[in-house]
N, C-alpha and C. Protein backbone atom coordinates (compact mmCIF):
# COMPACT_ATOMS: atom_id res chain seq x y z
N MET A 1 5.89 -13.49 17.77
CA MET A 1 5.94 -14.05 16.23
C MET A 1 6.28 -12.51 15.53
N THR A 2 7.46 -12.13 14.57
CA THR A 2 7.25 -11.03 13.89
C THR A 2 6.97 -11.72 12.45
N LEU A 3 6.70 -10.02 12.00
CA LEU A 3 6.09 -10.53 10.88
C LEU A 3 6.88 -8.70 10.06
N ASP A 4 7.52 -9.59 9.01
CA ASP A 4 8.26 -8.01 7.58
C ASP A 4 6.96 -8.22 6.67
N ILE A 5 6.27 -6.42 6.54
CA ILE A 5 5.66 -5.96 5.74
C ILE A 5 6.15 -5.17 4.82
N ALA A 6 6.24 -5.95 3.64
CA ALA A 6 7.37 -5.16 2.18
C ALA A 6 6.24 -4.36 1.88
N SER A 7 7.40 -3.19 0.77
CA SER A 7 7.15 -1.81 0.24
C SER A 7 6.32 -2.88 -0.91
N PRO A 8 5.19 -1.82 -1.87
CA PRO A 8 3.72 -3.06 -2.59
C PRO A 8 4.88 -2.62 -3.77
N LEU A 9 5.70 -0.99 -3.87
CA LEU A 9 6.06 -0.65 -4.95
C LEU A 9 7.42 0.19 -4.28
N ALA A 10 8.33 0.17 -5.57
CA ALA A 10 9.43 1.40 -5.65
C ALA A 10 8.56 3.25 -5.22
N GLY A 11 9.70 3.55 -4.15
CA GLY A 11 9.28 4.65 -4.06
C GLY A 11 10.02 5.21 -2.94
N ARG A 12 9.68 5.93 -2.18
CA ARG A 12 10.41 7.15 -0.78
C ARG A 12 8.76 6.60 -0.14
N VAL A 13 10.02 6.82 1.63
CA VAL A 13 8.85 6.16 2.36
C VAL A 13 8.41 7.23 3.66
N LEU A 14 7.45 7.67 3.63
CA LEU A 14 6.21 8.42 3.88
C LEU A 14 6.08 8.13 5.66
N SER A 15 5.68 9.42 6.54
CA SER A 15 5.17 9.04 7.41
C SER A 15 3.73 9.24 7.29
N LEU A 16 2.91 8.33 7.90
CA LEU A 16 1.28 8.86 7.90
C LEU A 16 1.10 10.34 8.03
N ASP A 17 2.28 11.41 9.19
CA ASP A 17 1.25 12.22 9.52
C ASP A 17 1.70 13.33 7.98
N ASP A 18 2.78 12.59 7.13
CA ASP A 18 3.05 13.38 6.05
C ASP A 18 1.68 13.32 5.06
N VAL A 19 1.00 12.14 4.93
CA VAL A 19 -0.27 11.89 4.10
C VAL A 19 -0.72 13.40 4.17
N PRO A 20 -1.14 13.77 2.80
CA PRO A 20 -2.24 14.92 2.97
C PRO A 20 -3.99 14.01 2.48
N ASP A 21 -4.02 13.67 3.95
CA ASP A 21 -5.43 13.17 3.85
C ASP A 21 -5.75 12.70 5.24
N PRO A 22 -6.45 13.64 5.71
CA PRO A 22 -6.63 13.61 7.50
C PRO A 22 -7.30 11.92 8.26
N VAL A 23 -8.18 11.21 7.09
CA VAL A 23 -8.48 9.79 7.44
C VAL A 23 -6.58 9.18 8.07
N PHE A 24 -6.02 9.06 6.91
CA PHE A 24 -4.82 8.53 7.26
C PHE A 24 -3.69 9.05 8.02
N ALA A 25 -3.17 10.65 7.67
CA ALA A 25 -2.14 10.38 8.52
C ALA A 25 -2.98 10.84 10.01
N GLY A 26 -4.70 11.03 10.80
CA GLY A 26 -4.55 10.88 11.75
C GLY A 26 -5.14 9.56 12.23
N ARG A 27 -4.53 8.48 11.68
CA ARG A 27 -4.15 7.13 12.05
C ARG A 27 -5.50 6.08 12.18
N PHE A 28 -6.93 6.90 11.61
CA PHE A 28 -7.88 6.47 11.86
C PHE A 28 -8.38 4.91 11.56
N VAL A 29 -7.80 5.03 10.61
CA VAL A 29 -7.73 3.65 9.57
C VAL A 29 -6.45 2.28 10.59
N GLY A 30 -5.51 2.81 10.83
CA GLY A 30 -4.77 2.22 11.79
C GLY A 30 -3.16 3.15 11.22
N PRO A 31 -2.33 2.17 12.01
CA PRO A 31 -0.78 2.24 11.80
C PRO A 31 -0.25 2.38 10.43
N GLY A 32 1.08 2.88 10.71
CA GLY A 32 1.88 1.90 9.22
C GLY A 32 2.65 2.89 8.16
N LEU A 33 2.87 3.26 7.41
CA LEU A 33 3.83 3.94 6.50
C LEU A 33 3.16 4.42 5.22
N ALA A 34 3.56 5.06 4.70
CA ALA A 34 3.11 5.60 2.63
C ALA A 34 4.26 5.62 2.18
N VAL A 35 4.14 4.93 1.24
CA VAL A 35 5.41 5.46 0.26
C VAL A 35 4.60 6.03 -1.01
N ASP A 36 5.76 6.91 -1.03
CA ASP A 36 5.40 7.86 -2.40
C ASP A 36 6.14 7.75 -3.75
N PRO A 37 5.20 7.00 -4.55
CA PRO A 37 5.67 6.29 -5.74
C PRO A 37 6.64 6.70 -6.85
N ASP A 38 7.51 5.91 -7.14
CA ASP A 38 8.37 6.77 -8.48
C ASP A 38 7.43 6.65 -9.58
N ARG A 39 7.48 8.16 -10.33
CA ARG A 39 6.65 7.95 -11.08
C ARG A 39 7.42 8.58 -12.74
N THR A 40 7.55 7.85 -13.77
CA THR A 40 7.61 8.17 -15.20
C THR A 40 6.72 8.02 -15.82
N GLU A 41 6.78 9.24 -16.64
CA GLU A 41 5.51 9.53 -17.14
C GLU A 41 4.73 8.19 -18.35
N GLY A 42 3.91 7.92 -18.33
CA GLY A 42 3.38 6.84 -19.13
C GLY A 42 3.82 5.15 -19.03
N THR A 43 4.60 5.16 -17.84
CA THR A 43 4.67 3.47 -17.13
C THR A 43 4.24 3.65 -15.94
N ASP A 44 3.68 2.10 -16.41
CA ASP A 44 2.43 1.09 -15.25
C ASP A 44 3.41 0.75 -14.12
N VAL A 45 3.08 0.69 -13.23
CA VAL A 45 4.05 0.54 -12.02
C VAL A 45 2.34 -1.04 -11.45
N THR A 46 3.28 -1.87 -10.92
CA THR A 46 2.26 -3.15 -10.98
C THR A 46 2.94 -3.25 -8.52
N ALA A 47 1.80 -2.92 -8.69
CA ALA A 47 1.72 -3.22 -6.59
C ALA A 47 1.39 -4.54 -6.19
N VAL A 48 2.46 -5.10 -5.48
CA VAL A 48 2.50 -6.28 -4.83
C VAL A 48 1.81 -6.46 -3.72
N ALA A 49 1.74 -7.84 -3.32
CA ALA A 49 1.31 -8.43 -2.43
C ALA A 49 2.57 -7.88 -1.05
N PRO A 50 2.15 -7.34 -0.11
CA PRO A 50 3.04 -6.79 1.14
C PRO A 50 3.70 -7.99 1.92
N VAL A 51 2.65 -8.91 1.98
CA VAL A 51 3.06 -10.00 2.71
C VAL A 51 2.12 -11.37 2.34
N SER A 52 2.56 -12.19 2.62
CA SER A 52 1.57 -13.70 1.89
C SER A 52 0.19 -14.15 3.03
N GLY A 53 -0.96 -14.40 1.99
CA GLY A 53 -1.67 -14.40 2.75
C GLY A 53 -3.02 -14.13 1.91
N THR A 54 -4.23 -13.77 2.15
CA THR A 54 -5.29 -14.25 1.38
C THR A 54 -5.89 -12.60 1.18
N ILE A 55 -6.49 -12.81 -0.12
CA ILE A 55 -6.84 -11.24 -0.64
C ILE A 55 -8.17 -10.93 0.10
N ALA A 56 -8.59 -10.12 0.73
CA ALA A 56 -9.51 -10.00 1.81
C ALA A 56 -10.54 -9.10 0.89
N LYS A 57 -10.01 -7.71 0.64
CA LYS A 57 -10.97 -7.14 -0.72
C LYS A 57 -9.91 -6.54 -1.96
N ALA A 58 -10.44 -6.56 -2.82
CA ALA A 58 -9.84 -6.28 -4.38
C ALA A 58 -10.41 -5.33 -4.75
N HIS A 59 -10.75 -3.59 -4.56
CA HIS A 59 -10.92 -2.79 -5.40
C HIS A 59 -9.64 -2.58 -6.40
N PRO A 60 -10.05 -1.35 -7.05
CA PRO A 60 -9.03 -1.33 -8.10
C PRO A 60 -8.05 -0.10 -7.22
N HIS A 61 -8.62 0.85 -6.18
CA HIS A 61 -8.08 1.93 -5.75
C HIS A 61 -7.01 1.20 -4.52
N ALA A 62 -7.61 0.17 -4.27
CA ALA A 62 -7.29 -0.55 -2.40
C ALA A 62 -6.90 -2.18 -2.62
N PHE A 63 -6.35 -2.37 -1.60
CA PHE A 63 -6.18 -4.04 -1.84
C PHE A 63 -6.36 -4.15 -0.22
N ILE A 64 -7.02 -5.24 1.03
CA ILE A 64 -6.62 -5.49 1.97
C ILE A 64 -6.13 -7.38 1.80
N ILE A 65 -5.03 -7.86 2.32
CA ILE A 65 -4.35 -8.74 2.70
C ILE A 65 -4.49 -9.16 3.63
N THR A 66 -5.14 -10.26 4.41
CA THR A 66 -5.42 -11.15 5.29
C THR A 66 -3.85 -11.82 5.43
N ALA A 67 -2.45 -11.40 6.56
CA ALA A 67 -1.94 -12.38 6.78
C ALA A 67 -2.01 -13.39 7.33
N GLU A 68 -0.87 -14.73 6.94
CA GLU A 68 -0.97 -15.85 7.17
C GLU A 68 -0.62 -15.22 9.30
N ASN A 69 -1.70 -16.24 9.49
CA ASN A 69 -1.00 -15.83 10.99
C ASN A 69 -1.14 -14.49 11.75
N GLY A 70 -1.97 -13.75 10.98
CA GLY A 70 -1.57 -12.39 11.19
C GLY A 70 -2.77 -10.87 11.21
N PRO A 71 -2.18 -9.50 11.01
CA PRO A 71 -3.20 -8.57 10.72
C PRO A 71 -3.69 -8.55 9.59
N ALA A 72 -4.85 -7.84 9.03
CA ALA A 72 -5.33 -7.50 7.80
C ALA A 72 -4.15 -6.32 7.12
N ILE A 73 -3.85 -5.96 5.79
CA ILE A 73 -3.24 -5.36 5.67
C ILE A 73 -3.71 -4.28 4.53
N LEU A 74 -4.01 -2.81 5.00
CA LEU A 74 -4.93 -2.02 3.97
C LEU A 74 -3.85 -1.60 3.33
N VAL A 75 -3.54 -1.68 1.56
CA VAL A 75 -2.79 -0.98 0.35
C VAL A 75 -3.96 0.01 -0.10
N HIS A 76 -3.85 1.39 -0.05
CA HIS A 76 -4.38 2.19 -0.69
C HIS A 76 -3.70 2.99 -2.03
N LEU A 77 -3.97 2.73 -3.04
CA LEU A 77 -3.13 3.15 -4.44
C LEU A 77 -3.55 4.84 -4.32
N GLY A 78 -3.02 5.68 -3.97
CA GLY A 78 -3.36 7.02 -4.39
C GLY A 78 -4.52 7.37 -3.25
N LEU A 79 -4.55 9.10 -3.09
CA LEU A 79 -5.53 8.92 -2.36
C LEU A 79 -6.77 9.63 -2.75
N ASP A 80 -8.19 9.87 -2.81
CA ASP A 80 -9.07 10.12 -3.03
C ASP A 80 -9.65 9.28 -4.52
N THR A 81 -8.61 7.69 -4.59
CA THR A 81 -8.80 7.73 -6.32
C THR A 81 -9.95 6.43 -6.08
N VAL A 82 -10.85 6.89 -4.96
CA VAL A 82 -12.26 6.16 -5.10
C VAL A 82 -12.99 6.23 -6.75
N GLY A 83 -12.72 7.54 -6.15
CA GLY A 83 -13.89 8.20 -7.33
C GLY A 83 -13.45 8.37 -8.66
N LEU A 84 -12.27 7.70 -8.87
CA LEU A 84 -12.24 7.14 -10.43
C LEU A 84 -13.24 5.75 -10.82
N GLY A 85 -13.71 5.19 -9.77
CA GLY A 85 -14.37 4.15 -10.56
C GLY A 85 -13.83 2.80 -10.96
N GLY A 86 -12.43 2.92 -11.00
CA GLY A 86 -11.60 1.63 -11.21
C GLY A 86 -10.63 2.20 -12.70
N LYS A 87 -11.25 3.06 -12.94
CA LYS A 87 -10.46 3.67 -14.47
C LYS A 87 -9.32 4.23 -14.04
N GLY A 88 -8.16 3.12 -14.76
CA GLY A 88 -6.63 3.39 -14.84
C GLY A 88 -5.97 1.99 -14.03
N PHE A 89 -6.93 1.53 -13.35
CA PHE A 89 -6.16 0.00 -12.48
C PHE A 89 -6.82 -0.73 -12.86
N ASN A 90 -6.04 -2.00 -13.00
CA ASN A 90 -5.92 -3.39 -13.21
C ASN A 90 -5.95 -4.30 -12.09
N VAL A 91 -7.28 -4.63 -11.61
CA VAL A 91 -6.61 -5.97 -10.90
C VAL A 91 -6.18 -7.11 -11.37
N LEU A 92 -5.26 -7.63 -10.35
CA LEU A 92 -4.75 -8.86 -11.52
C LEU A 92 -5.31 -10.05 -10.17
N VAL A 93 -6.50 -9.75 -8.95
CA VAL A 93 -6.66 -10.74 -8.23
C VAL A 93 -8.33 -10.74 -7.39
N LYS A 94 -8.46 -12.02 -7.05
CA LYS A 94 -9.83 -11.57 -6.91
C LYS A 94 -9.86 -12.20 -5.32
N GLU A 95 -10.43 -11.30 -4.10
CA GLU A 95 -11.21 -11.73 -3.30
C GLU A 95 -10.95 -13.37 -3.00
N GLY A 96 -10.06 -13.81 -1.78
CA GLY A 96 -10.45 -14.84 -1.32
C GLY A 96 -9.07 -15.95 -2.20
N ASP A 97 -8.35 -14.92 -3.04
CA ASP A 97 -7.11 -15.58 -3.54
C ASP A 97 -6.09 -15.82 -2.87
N ALA A 98 -4.97 -16.77 -2.27
CA ALA A 98 -3.86 -16.61 -1.71
C ALA A 98 -2.79 -16.42 -2.52
N VAL A 99 -2.20 -15.15 -1.83
CA VAL A 99 -0.86 -14.67 -2.35
C VAL A 99 0.35 -15.12 -1.50
N ALA A 100 1.58 -14.83 -1.95
CA ALA A 100 2.29 -14.80 -1.72
C ALA A 100 3.22 -13.85 -1.64
N ALA A 101 3.55 -12.94 -1.07
CA ALA A 101 4.60 -11.46 -0.82
C ALA A 101 5.21 -11.36 -1.88
N GLY A 102 5.35 -10.58 -2.31
CA GLY A 102 5.52 -10.22 -3.97
C GLY A 102 5.17 -9.86 -5.42
N ASP A 103 3.51 -10.93 -5.07
CA ASP A 103 2.78 -11.81 -6.08
C ASP A 103 2.34 -9.75 -6.48
N PRO A 104 2.06 -10.21 -7.68
CA PRO A 104 1.27 -8.61 -8.10
C PRO A 104 0.01 -8.65 -8.02
N VAL A 105 -0.52 -7.49 -7.52
CA VAL A 105 -1.92 -7.08 -7.06
C VAL A 105 -2.86 -6.62 -8.40
N VAL A 106 -2.69 -4.98 -8.42
CA VAL A 106 -2.74 -4.08 -9.07
C VAL A 106 -1.25 -3.62 -10.34
N THR A 107 -1.98 -3.00 -11.37
CA THR A 107 -1.26 -2.37 -12.02
C THR A 107 -1.98 -1.13 -12.32
N TRP A 108 -1.48 0.07 -12.35
CA TRP A 108 -1.86 1.60 -12.17
C TRP A 108 -0.55 2.31 -12.65
N ASN A 109 -0.41 3.60 -13.15
CA ASN A 109 0.20 4.65 -13.04
C ASN A 109 0.28 5.86 -12.48
N PRO A 110 0.97 5.84 -11.71
CA PRO A 110 0.78 7.30 -10.30
C PRO A 110 1.14 7.89 -11.41
N ALA A 111 1.75 8.42 -12.45
CA ALA A 111 2.34 9.95 -12.87
C ALA A 111 0.67 9.86 -13.35
N ASP A 112 0.02 9.29 -14.17
CA ASP A 112 -1.46 9.56 -14.44
C ASP A 112 -2.13 9.80 -13.36
N ILE A 113 -1.89 9.51 -12.06
CA ILE A 113 -3.26 9.54 -11.03
C ILE A 113 -2.56 11.38 -11.07
N GLU A 114 -1.55 11.77 -10.87
CA GLU A 114 -1.08 12.88 -10.40
C GLU A 114 -1.30 13.91 -11.68
N ALA A 115 -1.35 13.58 -12.98
CA ALA A 115 -1.50 14.34 -13.90
C ALA A 115 -2.98 14.58 -13.68
N GLY A 116 -3.98 13.61 -13.22
CA GLY A 116 -5.19 14.13 -12.86
C GLY A 116 -5.56 14.65 -11.60
N GLY A 117 -4.42 15.24 -11.18
CA GLY A 117 -5.06 15.94 -10.00
C GLY A 117 -5.02 15.47 -9.03
N LEU A 118 -4.74 14.29 -8.55
CA LEU A 118 -4.97 13.71 -7.28
C LEU A 118 -3.64 13.16 -6.70
N SER A 119 -3.16 13.26 -5.62
CA SER A 119 -1.62 12.37 -5.11
C SER A 119 -2.08 11.00 -5.58
N PRO A 120 -0.35 10.28 -5.83
CA PRO A 120 -0.43 9.42 -6.30
C PRO A 120 -0.02 7.75 -4.78
N VAL A 121 0.37 9.20 -3.83
CA VAL A 121 0.92 8.09 -2.64
C VAL A 121 0.07 7.26 -2.11
N VAL A 122 0.70 6.25 -1.67
CA VAL A 122 0.33 4.53 -1.35
C VAL A 122 0.50 4.85 -0.26
N PRO A 123 -1.21 4.92 0.87
CA PRO A 123 -0.81 4.26 2.31
C PRO A 123 -0.79 2.93 2.71
N VAL A 124 0.19 2.12 3.61
CA VAL A 124 0.40 0.66 3.70
C VAL A 124 -0.43 0.77 5.37
N VAL A 125 -1.59 0.41 5.76
CA VAL A 125 -1.58 0.75 6.73
C VAL A 125 -2.55 -0.50 7.49
N LEU A 126 -1.98 -1.18 8.72
CA LEU A 126 -2.12 -2.16 9.30
C LEU A 126 -3.63 -2.28 10.23
N LEU A 127 -4.46 -3.29 9.94
CA LEU A 127 -6.04 -2.54 10.46
C LEU A 127 -5.74 -3.22 12.01
N GLU A 128 -6.60 -2.69 13.00
CA GLU A 128 -5.88 -2.97 14.46
C GLU A 128 -5.20 -3.66 14.53
N THR A 129 -4.14 -2.95 14.79
CA THR A 129 -2.70 -3.43 15.53
C THR A 129 -2.55 -1.83 16.08
N ASP A 130 -1.87 -2.43 16.88
CA ASP A 130 -1.27 -0.99 17.92
C ASP A 130 0.16 -0.19 17.24
N GLU A 131 0.15 0.62 17.24
CA GLU A 131 1.36 1.37 16.82
C GLU A 131 2.61 1.47 17.25
N GLN A 132 2.85 0.77 18.49
CA GLN A 132 3.74 0.59 19.45
C GLN A 132 4.70 -0.83 19.13
N SER A 133 4.23 -1.42 18.42
CA SER A 133 4.01 -2.94 18.14
C SER A 133 5.36 -3.29 16.89
N LEU A 134 5.09 -1.89 15.76
CA LEU A 134 5.59 -1.68 14.82
C LEU A 134 6.81 -0.85 14.81
N ASP A 135 7.67 -1.80 14.23
CA ASP A 135 9.12 -0.99 13.60
C ASP A 135 8.80 -0.51 11.77
N LEU A 136 9.19 1.11 11.86
CA LEU A 136 8.52 1.85 10.86
C LEU A 136 10.20 2.34 9.79
N ALA A 137 10.32 1.83 8.80
CA ALA A 137 11.30 2.28 8.39
C ALA A 137 11.17 3.75 8.01
N LYS A 138 12.73 4.49 8.18
CA LYS A 138 13.33 5.87 8.41
C LYS A 138 12.17 6.55 7.25
N PRO A 139 11.26 7.96 7.66
CA PRO A 139 10.81 8.48 6.57
C PRO A 139 11.79 9.56 5.90
N GLY A 140 11.80 9.26 4.18
CA GLY A 140 12.74 9.68 3.46
C GLY A 140 13.28 8.41 2.72
N THR A 141 13.36 7.00 3.44
CA THR A 141 14.18 6.24 2.56
C THR A 141 13.64 5.62 1.62
N PRO A 142 14.75 5.53 -0.11
CA PRO A 142 13.95 5.06 -0.89
C PRO A 142 13.97 3.25 -0.92
N LEU A 143 12.56 2.96 -1.58
CA LEU A 143 12.68 1.25 -1.24
C LEU A 143 12.18 0.92 -2.43
N GLU A 144 12.70 -0.04 -3.09
CA GLU A 144 12.26 -1.15 -4.40
C GLU A 144 10.74 -1.81 -3.47
N ALA A 145 10.32 -2.34 -4.49
CA ALA A 145 9.23 -3.23 -4.06
C ALA A 145 9.68 -4.36 -3.49
N GLY A 146 9.50 -4.86 -2.68
CA GLY A 146 9.36 -6.19 -1.79
C GLY A 146 10.51 -5.85 -0.55
N ASP A 147 10.81 -4.70 -0.40
CA ASP A 147 12.17 -4.27 0.35
C ASP A 147 11.23 -4.28 1.56
N VAL A 148 11.82 -3.99 3.34
CA VAL A 148 11.04 -4.31 3.94
C VAL A 148 10.65 -3.10 4.02
N LEU A 149 9.47 -2.42 4.81
CA LEU A 149 8.69 -1.20 4.87
C LEU A 149 8.46 -0.82 6.23
N LEU A 150 7.76 -2.02 7.06
CA LEU A 150 7.48 -2.31 8.58
C LEU A 150 8.16 -3.87 8.95
N THR A 151 7.88 -3.42 10.27
CA THR A 151 8.19 -5.10 11.10
C THR A 151 7.09 -4.85 12.20
N LEU A 152 5.77 -5.91 12.19
CA LEU A 152 5.26 -5.96 13.07
C LEU A 152 5.70 -6.90 14.42
N HIS A 153 6.08 -6.84 15.83
CA HIS A 153 6.44 -7.44 16.56
C HIS A 153 5.36 -8.41 17.58
């Protein structure tokens, strides 16, 4: 089985090593990559489902999708954004919803997050997956939402 995991938003690929958060950089949650999102003052961005599957968790700052016949994938919108209590995020799905890759999940504004003193970097992590089974996009690569970020073999 091969599964392509798409970028949930436009931006530049970052290695987890370059994520300024020890939990993600240390891969304590799992392997993956991060996206440094495009930021335009006053422009909302809609994070989309990176795979087809079921919404396992839907928080304002993060969501988990369980892929059809595959792993669970965590998308974390910014770092330390749980402390915002949902302010600035509009969740468009609920737990248990079936989604197709590319479906809208959460709307937010990365520029506002950064203006508030937090990092808008978006880790995309595969839960309970071995890093050796992943092909990762090269750090620094620009991606649009829906472009392949990583592939699970």
